Amino acid sequence: MIEIAKYHGKRGYAIIEGIGLIEHMHGWTISTSRDKADASEQCQEWHDSLVGQGIWSGSLSAWYDGANVGKFYDVVNSTSSKDVYIYPVKTDMTKYFYGDAWVDFDLAGPVDANVDISGTLSGTGQLLESGF
């Protein structure tokens, strides 16, 4: 029987070139997809699609850290994409996703919640994985 590894989200973390380890992180996402062109013809009962280029994106969120805000600002204003590493679990550093991405960030300070930094990743090139 194959053993299935289960990870709790609380153990994940991310490293972004120019920022380093994202401190006080409380969430991340990765999304991948491929372009699909409709290749359907008349008299077909079902659509037919052709697959094109792949794309990936992601996001992360962290509680406010004054040191991180300045680093995020510098990375956003950089003229080059940055290396991104996302680890689902800190206790197994052999399993991670990585790629180059453009980084954007939002800073939010609602009256009824903690100040939050949200980063958006726009992948450039392939998202790779290691150890899975």
C-alpha atoms as a PDB file:
ATOM      1  CA  MET A   1       0.000   0.000   0.000  1.00  0.00           C
ATOM      2  CA  ILE A   2       1.276   3.475  -0.884  1.00  0.00           C
ATOM      3  CA  GLU A   3       1.598   5.835   2.055  1.00  0.00           C
ATOM      4  CA  ILE A   4       0.049   9.252   1.448  1.00  0.00           C
ATOM      5  CA  ALA A   5       1.870  12.213   2.974  1.00  0.00           C
ATOM      6  CA  LYS A   6      -0.473  14.693   4.605  1.00  0.00           C
ATOM      7  CA  TYR A   7       0.711  18.180   5.415  1.00  0.00           C
ATOM      8  CA  HIS A   8      -0.913  20.802   7.560  1.00  0.00           C
ATOM      9  CA  GLY A   9      -0.848  24.271   6.002  1.00  0.00           C
ATOM     10  CA  LYS A  10       0.690  25.785   9.117  1.00  0.00           C
ATOM     11  CA  ARG A  11       4.092  24.288   8.240  1.00  0.00           C
ATOM     12  CA  GLY A  12       4.607  25.929   4.828  1.00  0.00           C
ATOM     13  CA  TYR A  13       6.885  28.817   3.961  1.00  0.00           C
ATOM     14  CA  ALA A  14       8.292  30.771   1.030  1.00  0.00           C
ATOM     15  CA  ILE A  15      11.592  32.333   0.026  1.00  0.00           C
ATOM     16  CA  ILE A  16      11.792  35.099  -2.579  1.00  0.00           C
ATOM     17  CA  GLU A  17      15.046  36.360  -4.046  1.00  0.00           C
ATOM     18  CA  GLY A  18      15.695  39.848  -2.711  1.00  0.00           C
ATOM     19  CA  ILE A  19      13.446  39.318   0.305  1.00  0.00           C
ATOM     20  CA  GLY A  20      14.583  36.016   1.755  1.00  0.00           C
ATOM     21  CA  LEU A  21      12.353  33.975   4.032  1.00  0.00           C
ATOM     22  CA  ILE A  22       8.906  35.552   4.232  1.00  0.00           C
ATOM     23  CA  GLU A  23       8.437  36.082   7.958  1.00  0.00           C
ATOM     24  CA  HIS A  24       5.038  35.675   9.659  1.00  0.00           C
ATOM     25  CA  MET A  25       3.433  33.969   6.652  1.00  0.00           C
ATOM     26  CA  HIS A  26      -0.105  32.714   7.091  1.00  0.00           C
ATOM     27  CA  GLY A  27      -0.990  31.398   3.635  1.00  0.00           C
ATOM     28  CA  TRP A  28       0.117  30.681   0.070  1.00  0.00           C
ATOM     29  CA  THR A  29      -1.310  29.412  -3.223  1.00  0.00           C
ATOM     30  CA  ILE A  30       0.055  28.143  -6.529  1.00  0.00           C
ATOM     31  CA  SER A  31      -2.059  27.937  -9.676  1.00  0.00           C
ATOM     32  CA  THR A  32      -1.026  26.377 -12.979  1.00  0.00           C
ATOM     33  CA  SER A  33      -2.888  26.139 -16.262  1.00  0.00           C
ATOM     34  CA  ARG A  34      -2.412  25.839 -20.014  1.00  0.00           C
ATOM     35  CA  ASP A  35      -3.932  27.871 -22.818  1.00  0.00           C
ATOM     36  CA  LYS A  36      -6.697  25.989 -24.608  1.00  0.00           C
ATOM     37  CA  ALA A  37      -7.846  26.808 -28.139  1.00  0.00           C
ATOM     38  CA  ASP A  38     -11.264  25.689 -29.280  1.00  0.00           C
ATOM     39  CA  ALA A  39     -10.761  23.269 -32.218  1.00  0.00           C
ATOM     40  CA  SER A  40     -14.406  22.218 -32.472  1.00  0.00           C
ATOM     41  CA  GLU A  41     -16.120  21.557 -35.770  1.00  0.00           C
ATOM     42  CA  GLN A  42     -19.725  21.541 -36.804  1.00  0.00           C
ATOM     43  CA  CYS A  43     -21.597  18.255 -36.316  1.00  0.00           C
ATOM     44  CA  GLN A  44     -19.527  17.312 -33.268  1.00  0.00           C
ATOM     45  CA  GLU A  45     -21.406  16.561 -30.058  1.00  0.00           C
ATOM     46  CA  TRP A  46     -18.524  17.661 -27.835  1.00  0.00           C
ATOM     47  CA  HIS A  47     -16.005  20.494 -27.920  1.00  0.00           C
ATOM     48  CA  ASP A  48     -12.472  19.699 -29.016  1.00  0.00           C
ATOM     49  CA  SER A  49      -9.550  21.682 -27.597  1.00  0.00           C
ATOM     50  CA  LEU A  50      -5.890  22.085 -28.434  1.00  0.00           C
ATOM     51  CA  VAL A  51      -3.463  22.727 -25.594  1.00  0.00           C
ATOM     52  CA  GLY A  52      -1.028  25.618 -25.826  1.00  0.00           C
ATOM     53  CA  GLN A  53       1.442  27.299 -23.521  1.00  0.00           C
ATOM     54  CA  GLY A  54       1.527  26.822 -19.769  1.00  0.00           C
ATOM     55  CA  ILE A  55       1.405  29.553 -17.149  1.00  0.00           C
ATOM     56  CA  TRP A  56       1.658  29.696 -13.387  1.00  0.00           C
ATOM     57  CA  SER A  57       0.850  32.207 -10.707  1.00  0.00           C
ATOM     58  CA  GLY A  58       0.668  32.301  -6.975  1.00  0.00           C
ATOM     59  CA  SER A  59       0.035  34.348  -3.907  1.00  0.00           C
ATOM     60  CA  LEU A  60       1.183  34.564  -0.337  1.00  0.00           C
ATOM     61  CA  SER A  61       0.087  36.453   2.702  1.00  0.00           C
ATOM     62  CA  ALA A  62       1.923  37.437   5.854  1.00  0.00           C
ATOM     63  CA  TRP A  63       1.348  39.584   8.902  1.00  0.00           C
ATOM     64  CA  TYR A  64       3.008  42.997   8.765  1.00  0.00           C
ATOM     65  CA  ASP A  65       6.745  43.069   9.301  1.00  0.00           C
ATOM     66  CA  GLY A  66       8.447  46.419   8.777  1.00  0.00           C
ATOM     67  CA  ALA A  67      11.590  44.742   7.417  1.00  0.00           C
ATOM     68  CA  ASN A  68       9.599  42.793   4.794  1.00  0.00           C
ATOM     69  CA  VAL A  69       7.646  45.809   3.524  1.00  0.00           C
ATOM     70  CA  GLY A  70      10.773  47.612   2.343  1.00  0.00           C
ATOM     71  CA  LYS A  71      12.117  44.451   0.719  1.00  0.00           C
ATOM     72  CA  PHE A  72       8.787  43.802  -1.075  1.00  0.00           C
ATOM     73  CA  TYR A  73       8.811  47.374  -2.348  1.00  0.00           C
ATOM     74  CA  ASP A  74      12.346  46.950  -3.718  1.00  0.00           C
ATOM     75  CA  VAL A  75      11.486  43.631  -5.414  1.00  0.00           C
ATOM     76  CA  VAL A  76       8.347  45.072  -7.032  1.00  0.00           C
ATOM     77  CA  ASN A  77      10.382  47.947  -8.448  1.00  0.00           C
ATOM     78  CA  SER A  78      13.128  45.668  -9.744  1.00  0.00           C
ATOM     79  CA  THR A  79      13.664  45.326 -13.491  1.00  0.00           C
ATOM     80  CA  SER A  80      14.105  41.540 -13.298  1.00  0.00           C
ATOM     81  CA  SER A  81      11.958  38.616 -12.225  1.00  0.00           C
ATOM     82  CA  LYS A  82      12.884  36.901  -8.959  1.00  0.00           C
ATOM     83  CA  ASP A  83      13.546  33.299  -7.926  1.00  0.00           C
ATOM     84  CA  VAL A  84      10.668  31.969  -5.826  1.00  0.00           C
ATOM     85  CA  TYR A  85      10.699  28.833  -3.653  1.00  0.00           C
ATOM     86  CA  ILE A  86       7.574  27.533  -1.940  1.00  0.00           C
ATOM     87  CA  TYR A  87       7.865  24.727   0.593  1.00  0.00           C
ATOM     88  CA  PRO A  88       4.658  22.945   1.656  1.00  0.00           C
ATOM     89  CA  VAL A  89       6.259  21.820   4.931  1.00  0.00           C
ATOM     90  CA  LYS A  90       9.313  23.100   6.864  1.00  0.00           C
ATOM     91  CA  THR A  91      10.247  19.671   8.159  1.00  0.00           C
ATOM     92  CA  ASP A  92      10.943  18.343   4.641  1.00  0.00           C
ATOM     93  CA  MET A  93      13.109  20.785   2.720  1.00  0.00           C
ATOM     94  CA  THR A  94      13.550  18.288  -0.137  1.00  0.00           C
ATOM     95  CA  LYS A  95      10.001  18.959  -1.386  1.00  0.00           C
ATOM     96  CA  TYR A  96       9.354  22.350  -2.956  1.00  0.00           C
ATOM     97  CA  PHE A  97       8.135  24.284  -5.986  1.00  0.00           C
ATOM     98  CA  TYR A  98      10.317  26.879  -7.669  1.00  0.00           C
ATOM     99  CA  GLY A  99      10.475  29.230 -10.609  1.00  0.00           C
ATOM    100  CA  ASP A 100      11.006  32.827 -11.668  1.00  0.00           C
ATOM    101  CA  ALA A 101       8.222  35.316 -11.103  1.00  0.00           C
ATOM    102  CA  TRP A 102       7.368  38.967 -11.135  1.00  0.00           C
ATOM    103  CA  VAL A 103       6.277  40.016  -7.670  1.00  0.00           C
ATOM    104  CA  ASP A 104       3.558  42.517  -6.709  1.00  0.00           C
ATOM    105  CA  PHE A 105       2.340  43.277  -3.219  1.00  0.00           C
ATOM    106  CA  ASP A 106      -0.539  44.869  -1.354  1.00  0.00           C
ATOM    107  CA  LEU A 107      -0.515  46.192   2.164  1.00  0.00           C
ATOM    108  CA  ALA A 108      -3.851  46.244   3.976  1.00  0.00           C
ATOM    109  CA  GLY A 109      -4.707  47.648   7.386  1.00  0.00           C
ATOM    110  CA  PRO A 110      -8.396  47.139   8.138  1.00  0.00           C
ATOM    111  CA  VAL A 111      -9.808  48.668  11.300  1.00  0.00           C
ATOM    112  CA  ASP A 112     -10.871  45.268  12.657  1.00  0.00           C
ATOM    113  CA  ALA A 113      -7.908  43.015  11.755  1.00  0.00           C
ATOM    114  CA  ASN A 114      -4.128  42.718  11.638  1.00  0.00           C
ATOM    115  CA  VAL A 115      -2.100  44.634   9.063  1.00  0.00           C
ATOM    116  CA  ASP A 116      -1.441  42.198   6.224  1.00  0.00           C
ATOM    117  CA  ILE A 117       1.042  41.956   3.353  1.00  0.00           C
ATOM    118  CA  SER A 118      -0.234  40.080   0.291  1.00  0.00           C
ATOM    119  CA  GLY A 119       2.150  39.134  -2.496  1.00  0.00           C
ATOM    120  CA  THR A 120       1.108  38.143  -6.008  1.00  0.00           C
ATOM    121  CA  LEU A 121       3.417  36.026  -8.168  1.00  0.00           C
ATOM    122  CA  SER A 122       3.251  36.071 -11.982  1.00  0.00           C
ATOM    123  CA  GLY A 123       5.389  33.219 -13.252  1.00  0.00           C
ATOM    124  CA  THR A 124       7.790  33.679 -16.106  1.00  0.00           C
ATOM    125  CA  GLY A 125       8.850  30.338 -17.532  1.00  0.00           C
ATOM    126  CA  GLN A 126       8.072  26.926 -16.110  1.00  0.00           C
ATOM    127  CA  LEU A 127       7.127  26.191 -12.508  1.00  0.00           C
ATOM    128  CA  LEU A 128       9.319  23.298 -11.432  1.00  0.00           C
ATOM    129  CA  GLU A 129       9.042  20.886  -8.533  1.00  0.00           C
ATOM    130  CA  SER A 130      11.563  18.940  -6.537  1.00  0.00           C
ATOM    131  CA  GLY A 131      11.143  15.874  -4.372  1.00  0.00           C
ATOM    132  CA  PHE A 132       7.549  14.974  -5.204  1.00  0.00           C
END
